[in-house]
Amino acid sequence: MSGSVWINGQFVERAEARLSAFDAAVQHAVGLFETMLAVNGRVFRLFEHLDRLQRSARELGLTESLRLNPLGEAVQRVVEESALDRARVRLTVTGGDLNLLASGGPGPVDPTVMIAAQPATPYPAEMFERGVMAVIGALRLNPLDPTQGHKTLNYWARLRELQHAARAGAGEAILLQVTNHLGGGAVSNLFLIKDGAVLTPIARGEEDPAPTALRSPVLPGVTRRAVLDFAADMGLACEARMLTVDDLLGADEAFLTNSSWGVLPVVRIEAAPLGTGAPGPATRALRAKWLDAVEEQQDEPL
């Protein structure tokens, strides 16, 4: 059933997988999603993905009805039904019927929950062996936008930046915040290596806890968290802080992380070579750690 999709508790064939014309996702892009990597039938850090989704759904007022264990069981069923050795798993939760969402309705709104598994993207080996160029995107991340730092369905602006980067021959677009501090990639988190230390922009949930403090517009990536764990295990100093373009250009190494490609070395920022112009030793070591982790992961309890 590799062509099947799970929607609200039922498997349907891919050609029959549809949302209502009145679903809040169709009408106004109201919803959240998670993209996960499944290897040999197991999703890497599944419950970290689900926990992030649940927290965002609550913080943004989307729904209080998500339960981690049933969601985890549903994701696992989809992975098993797909029979794929390496799968890209997409979990989407929308606001359901727009009319009920807008009016408040007679009670809690039932979200639409959709899960699909497809073959994982086969990235060229040279991307990781030689590294990629990144460009500085035009989009600015705004900490005053309460939806920033959450994985919402409103991804058009980020995908446009990714398209512009591809036209320039780049692998990603680096996005800045409105303060001109580094945010991350259009579809990834950003890391720098400087003097043996691992640096990354502060993500949502890592800010000053004071009520008046601005919330970071940077997504707390699951692969980002894994890489910080790997770096700590390797004895590398790790720090999340406000970083600038000068920090990026002066870094010894840089790389981007997401659930699809894991750790992607960056060796050039537009016309400027970064570091030695080749993937550095820390980046290579952290990518090797990630590759081992996704292959050797243990089942998470449901």
Protein backbone atom coordinates (compact mmCIF):
# COMPACT_ATOMS: atom_id res chain seq x y z
CA MET A 1 0.00 0.00 0.00
CA SER A 2 2.92 2.35 -0.70
CA GLY A 3 0.50 4.63 -2.54
CA SER A 4 -1.86 4.94 0.43
CA VAL A 5 -2.48 7.94 2.66
CA TRP A 6 -3.90 7.94 6.19
CA ILE A 7 -6.63 10.57 6.73
CA ASN A 8 -8.56 10.87 9.98
CA GLY A 9 -8.09 7.25 10.92
CA GLN A 10 -8.61 5.64 7.51
CA PHE A 11 -6.28 4.54 4.72
CA VAL A 12 -7.25 5.79 1.27
CA GLU A 13 -5.50 5.41 -2.06
CA ARG A 14 -3.30 8.33 -3.03
CA ALA A 15 -5.60 9.31 -5.91
CA GLU A 16 -8.52 9.50 -3.47
CA ALA A 17 -6.69 11.49 -0.76
CA ARG A 18 -8.53 14.82 -0.69
CA LEU A 19 -9.36 17.67 1.67
CA SER A 20 -12.66 19.50 1.73
CA ALA A 21 -12.84 22.72 -0.27
CA PHE A 22 -13.85 24.32 3.05
CA ASP A 23 -10.93 22.96 5.07
CA ALA A 24 -9.04 25.76 6.83
CA ALA A 25 -5.81 24.60 5.18
CA VAL A 26 -7.27 25.02 1.70
CA GLN A 27 -8.94 28.33 2.48
CA HIS A 28 -6.23 30.07 4.54
CA ALA A 29 -3.25 27.72 5.07
CA VAL A 30 -4.29 27.13 8.69
CA GLY A 31 -2.37 24.12 9.91
CA LEU A 32 0.90 22.57 10.96
CA PHE A 33 3.09 19.84 9.57
CA GLU A 34 6.07 17.63 10.38
CA THR A 35 8.43 16.06 7.86
CA MET A 36 10.20 12.99 9.23
CA LEU A 37 12.72 10.42 8.03
CA ALA A 38 11.97 6.73 8.44
CA VAL A 39 14.80 4.23 7.95
CA ASN A 40 14.23 0.48 8.08
CA GLY A 41 10.70 1.00 9.38
CA ARG A 42 11.54 3.43 12.20
CA VAL A 43 11.08 7.20 12.27
CA PHE A 44 14.09 9.11 13.58
CA ARG A 45 13.19 10.89 16.83
CA LEU A 46 9.49 10.37 16.18
CA PHE A 47 8.23 11.64 19.51
CA GLU A 48 10.34 14.79 19.35
CA HIS A 49 8.52 15.61 16.11
CA LEU A 50 5.15 14.82 17.66
CA ASP A 51 5.87 16.79 20.82
CA ARG A 52 6.84 19.84 18.77
CA LEU A 53 3.64 19.51 16.74
CA GLN A 54 1.49 19.19 19.86
CA ARG A 55 3.13 22.20 21.51
CA SER A 56 2.66 24.36 18.41
CA ALA A 57 -0.97 23.30 18.07
CA ARG A 58 -1.62 24.39 21.65
CA GLU A 59 0.41 27.62 21.54
CA LEU A 60 -1.22 28.78 18.30
CA GLY A 61 -4.72 27.76 19.39
CA LEU A 62 -5.15 25.23 16.59
CA THR A 63 -6.34 22.29 18.68
CA GLU A 64 -5.98 20.69 22.11
CA SER A 65 -7.01 17.25 20.86
CA LEU A 66 -3.66 15.86 19.64
CA ARG A 67 -2.44 12.87 21.63
CA LEU A 68 1.12 11.68 21.16
CA ASN A 69 0.70 7.91 21.50
CA PRO A 70 -2.21 7.53 19.03
CA LEU A 71 -0.40 9.83 16.59
CA GLY A 72 2.77 7.79 16.98
CA GLU A 73 0.86 4.57 16.33
CA ALA A 74 -0.71 6.08 13.22
CA VAL A 75 2.66 7.24 11.86
CA GLN A 76 4.12 3.80 12.49
CA ARG A 77 1.23 2.14 10.64
CA VAL A 78 1.79 4.37 7.63
CA VAL A 79 5.51 3.58 7.62
CA GLU A 80 4.82 -0.15 7.82
CA GLU A 81 2.19 -0.02 5.08
CA SER A 82 4.59 1.88 2.80
CA ALA A 83 7.16 -0.97 2.94
CA LEU A 84 9.88 1.59 2.10
CA ASP A 85 13.44 1.17 3.39
CA ARG A 86 13.89 4.94 3.49
CA ALA A 87 10.76 7.07 3.60
CA ARG A 88 9.88 10.75 3.82
CA VAL A 89 6.92 10.86 6.19
CA ARG A 90 4.67 13.89 6.15
CA LEU A 91 2.20 14.49 9.01
CA THR A 92 -0.22 17.36 8.42
CA VAL A 93 -2.77 18.73 10.91
CA THR A 94 -5.19 21.37 9.63
CA GLY A 95 -7.83 23.55 11.27
CA GLY A 96 -10.62 21.38 9.87
CA ASP A 97 -13.87 22.95 8.74
CA LEU A 98 -13.21 26.67 8.28
CA ASN A 99 -16.78 27.65 9.19
CA LEU A 100 -16.52 25.97 12.59
CA LEU A 101 -13.04 27.37 13.16
CA ALA A 102 -14.11 30.94 12.36
CA SER A 103 -17.33 30.88 14.38
CA GLY A 104 -16.00 29.03 17.39
CA GLY A 105 -18.72 26.43 16.78
CA PRO A 106 -20.68 24.55 19.43
CA GLY A 107 -17.52 22.88 20.78
CA PRO A 108 -13.92 21.94 20.05
CA VAL A 109 -13.08 21.84 16.35
CA ASP A 110 -11.93 18.48 15.02
CA PRO A 111 -8.72 18.94 13.03
CA THR A 112 -7.98 17.10 9.82
CA VAL A 113 -5.03 14.74 10.35
CA MET A 114 -3.24 13.37 7.30
CA ILE A 115 -0.13 11.13 7.13
CA ALA A 116 1.68 10.06 3.97
CA ALA A 117 4.93 8.23 3.27
CA GLN A 118 6.94 8.60 0.08
CA PRO A 119 10.43 7.48 -0.98
CA ALA A 120 13.04 9.64 0.73
CA THR A 121 14.71 12.24 -1.51
CA PRO A 122 17.90 10.75 -3.04
CA TYR A 123 20.38 13.63 -2.66
CA PRO A 124 23.58 13.46 -4.77
CA ALA A 125 26.58 12.23 -2.76
CA GLU A 126 28.67 15.17 -4.00
CA MET A 127 26.45 17.58 -2.03
CA PHE A 128 27.92 16.14 1.16
CA GLU A 129 31.39 15.34 -0.14
CA ARG A 130 32.04 18.76 -1.68
CA GLY A 131 29.51 20.92 0.16
CA VAL A 132 27.11 23.48 -1.31
CA MET A 133 26.87 27.20 -1.89
CA ALA A 134 24.23 29.19 -0.02
CA VAL A 135 22.84 32.61 -0.86
CA ILE A 136 21.45 35.31 1.43
CA GLY A 137 17.69 35.43 0.93
CA ALA A 138 15.46 38.50 0.82
CA LEU A 139 12.86 37.19 3.30
CA ARG A 140 13.20 38.49 6.86
CA LEU A 141 12.03 36.51 9.90
CA ASN A 142 9.98 38.59 12.32
CA PRO A 143 9.95 37.81 16.08
CA LEU A 144 6.75 39.86 16.41
CA ASP A 145 4.88 37.32 14.26
CA PRO A 146 3.50 34.70 16.70
CA THR A 147 3.47 32.01 14.00
CA GLN A 148 7.22 32.28 13.37
CA GLY A 149 9.28 29.49 14.89
CA HIS A 150 6.42 27.05 14.28
CA LYS A 151 6.15 24.68 11.31
CA THR A 152 2.97 26.12 9.82
CA LEU A 153 1.52 25.39 6.38
CA ASN A 154 2.27 28.97 5.29
CA TYR A 155 5.54 28.01 3.57
CA TRP A 156 5.16 29.80 0.25
CA ALA A 157 7.62 32.60 1.06
CA ARG A 158 10.27 30.07 2.15
CA LEU A 159 9.76 27.92 -0.93
CA ARG A 160 10.17 31.00 -3.15
CA GLU A 161 13.52 31.68 -1.47
CA LEU A 162 14.52 28.07 -2.11
CA GLN A 163 13.53 28.44 -5.78
CA HIS A 164 15.60 31.64 -6.11
CA ALA A 165 18.57 29.86 -4.51
CA ALA A 166 18.27 26.93 -6.93
CA ARG A 167 18.24 29.32 -9.91
CA ALA A 168 21.53 30.76 -8.61
CA GLY A 169 23.02 27.28 -8.36
CA ALA A 170 22.83 27.28 -4.55
CA GLY A 171 21.68 24.51 -2.25
CA GLU A 172 19.89 26.81 0.24
CA ALA A 173 18.98 30.39 1.08
CA ILE A 174 20.13 31.80 4.41
CA LEU A 175 17.40 33.94 5.96
CA LEU A 176 18.04 36.85 8.29
CA GLN A 177 15.82 38.16 11.04
CA VAL A 178 14.44 41.71 10.86
CA THR A 179 17.27 42.68 13.24
CA ASN A 180 19.73 41.41 10.57
CA HIS A 181 20.80 38.55 12.83
CA LEU A 182 21.04 35.10 11.27
CA GLY A 183 17.85 33.05 11.26
CA GLY A 184 18.51 29.85 9.35
CA GLY A 185 17.96 28.25 5.99
CA ALA A 186 14.67 28.51 4.12
CA VAL A 187 14.00 24.86 5.01
CA SER A 188 16.75 24.16 7.52
CA ASN A 189 18.61 25.20 10.67
CA LEU A 190 22.03 26.83 10.49
CA PHE A 191 25.22 25.95 12.40
CA LEU A 192 28.66 27.54 12.48
CA ILE A 193 31.94 26.13 13.75
CA LYS A 194 34.40 28.69 15.12
CA ASP A 195 37.56 27.84 17.05
CA GLY A 196 36.21 24.38 17.80
CA ALA A 197 32.87 25.61 19.19
CA VAL A 198 29.44 24.85 17.71
CA LEU A 199 27.27 27.97 17.31
CA THR A 200 23.65 28.22 16.20
CA PRO A 201 20.94 30.93 16.30
CA ILE A 202 18.65 30.89 19.32
CA ALA A 203 15.46 28.96 18.55
CA ARG A 204 11.92 29.38 19.83
CA GLY A 205 11.77 28.17 23.44
CA GLU A 206 15.41 29.03 24.19
CA GLU A 207 14.93 32.78 24.73
CA ASP A 208 14.93 34.88 27.86
CA PRO A 209 11.88 33.63 29.81
CA ALA A 210 10.81 37.16 30.84
CA PRO A 211 7.22 37.93 29.73
CA THR A 212 8.39 41.02 27.81
CA ALA A 213 11.12 39.16 25.89
CA LEU A 214 10.71 38.67 22.15
CA ARG A 215 10.22 35.10 21.00
CA SER A 216 12.68 33.76 18.46
CA PRO A 217 11.36 33.25 14.91
CA VAL A 218 13.75 30.29 14.47
CA LEU A 219 12.28 26.79 14.37
CA PRO A 220 13.57 24.43 17.09
CA GLY A 221 14.54 21.73 14.60
CA VAL A 222 14.54 18.07 15.61
CA THR A 223 17.72 17.36 13.64
CA ARG A 224 19.16 20.56 15.13
CA ARG A 225 18.57 19.12 18.61
CA ALA A 226 20.12 15.82 17.59
CA VAL A 227 23.25 17.55 16.26
CA LEU A 228 23.64 19.53 19.49
CA ASP A 229 23.44 16.23 21.37
CA PHE A 230 26.05 14.68 19.08
CA ALA A 231 28.35 17.68 19.46
CA ALA A 232 28.10 17.54 23.26
CA ASP A 233 28.93 13.80 23.16
CA MET A 234 32.02 14.67 21.11
CA GLY A 235 33.13 17.15 23.76
CA LEU A 236 32.51 20.23 21.58
CA ALA A 237 31.36 23.43 23.24
CA CYS A 238 27.86 24.38 22.03
CA GLU A 239 26.14 27.76 22.23
CA ALA A 240 22.85 29.14 20.92
CA ARG A 241 23.16 32.90 20.52
CA MET A 242 22.47 35.86 18.26
CA LEU A 243 24.76 35.61 15.24
CA THR A 244 25.52 37.96 12.36
CA VAL A 245 26.50 37.64 8.71
CA ASP A 246 30.05 38.56 9.78
CA ASP A 247 30.01 35.55 12.11
CA LEU A 248 28.94 33.39 9.17
CA LEU A 249 31.58 34.72 6.79
CA GLY A 250 34.27 34.39 9.45
CA ALA A 251 33.33 30.85 10.47
CA ASP A 252 35.76 27.95 10.10
CA GLU A 253 32.90 25.69 8.98
CA ALA A 254 29.15 25.93 8.44
CA PHE A 255 26.38 23.45 7.81
CA LEU A 256 22.61 23.18 7.56
CA THR A 257 20.35 20.57 9.16
CA ASN A 258 16.89 19.18 8.48
CA SER A 259 15.20 15.80 8.64
CA SER A 260 15.66 15.04 4.95
CA TRP A 261 19.37 15.64 4.34
CA GLY A 262 20.63 15.47 7.93
CA VAL A 263 23.85 17.52 7.96
CA LEU A 264 24.67 19.48 4.79
CA PRO A 265 28.07 21.23 4.58
CA VAL A 266 28.13 24.85 3.32
CA VAL A 267 31.43 25.84 1.69
CA ARG A 268 30.54 29.14 0.00
CA ILE A 269 28.26 32.08 0.73
CA GLU A 270 27.53 33.53 -2.70
CA ALA A 271 30.95 34.68 -4.02
CA ALA A 272 32.77 34.25 -0.71
CA PRO A 273 34.47 30.93 0.14
CA LEU A 274 33.80 29.78 3.69
CA GLY A 275 36.68 28.41 5.75
CA THR A 276 38.90 26.23 3.56
CA GLY A 277 36.23 26.00 0.88
CA ALA A 278 35.64 22.31 1.69
CA PRO A 279 33.60 20.46 4.34
CA GLY A 280 35.51 20.69 7.62
CA PRO A 281 36.34 17.94 10.10
CA ALA A 282 33.66 18.83 12.65
CA THR A 283 30.97 18.93 9.97
CA ARG A 284 32.09 15.56 8.60
CA ALA A 285 32.14 14.02 12.07
CA LEU A 286 28.67 15.32 12.93
CA ARG A 287 27.27 14.04 9.64
CA ALA A 288 28.77 10.62 10.36
CA LYS A 289 27.13 10.69 13.80
CA TRP A 290 23.76 11.50 12.23
CA LEU A 291 24.09 8.74 9.63
CA ASP A 292 24.91 6.20 12.34
CA ALA A 293 22.03 7.41 14.52
CA VAL A 294 19.34 7.04 11.86
CA GLU A 295 20.59 3.56 10.96
CA GLU A 296 21.01 2.29 14.52
CA GLN A 297 18.10 3.98 16.29
CA GLN A 298 16.06 1.99 18.75
CA ASP A 299 12.28 1.73 18.73
CA GLU A 300 10.60 4.41 20.85
CA PRO A 301 7.91 3.19 23.27
CA LEU A 302 4.36 4.01 22.24
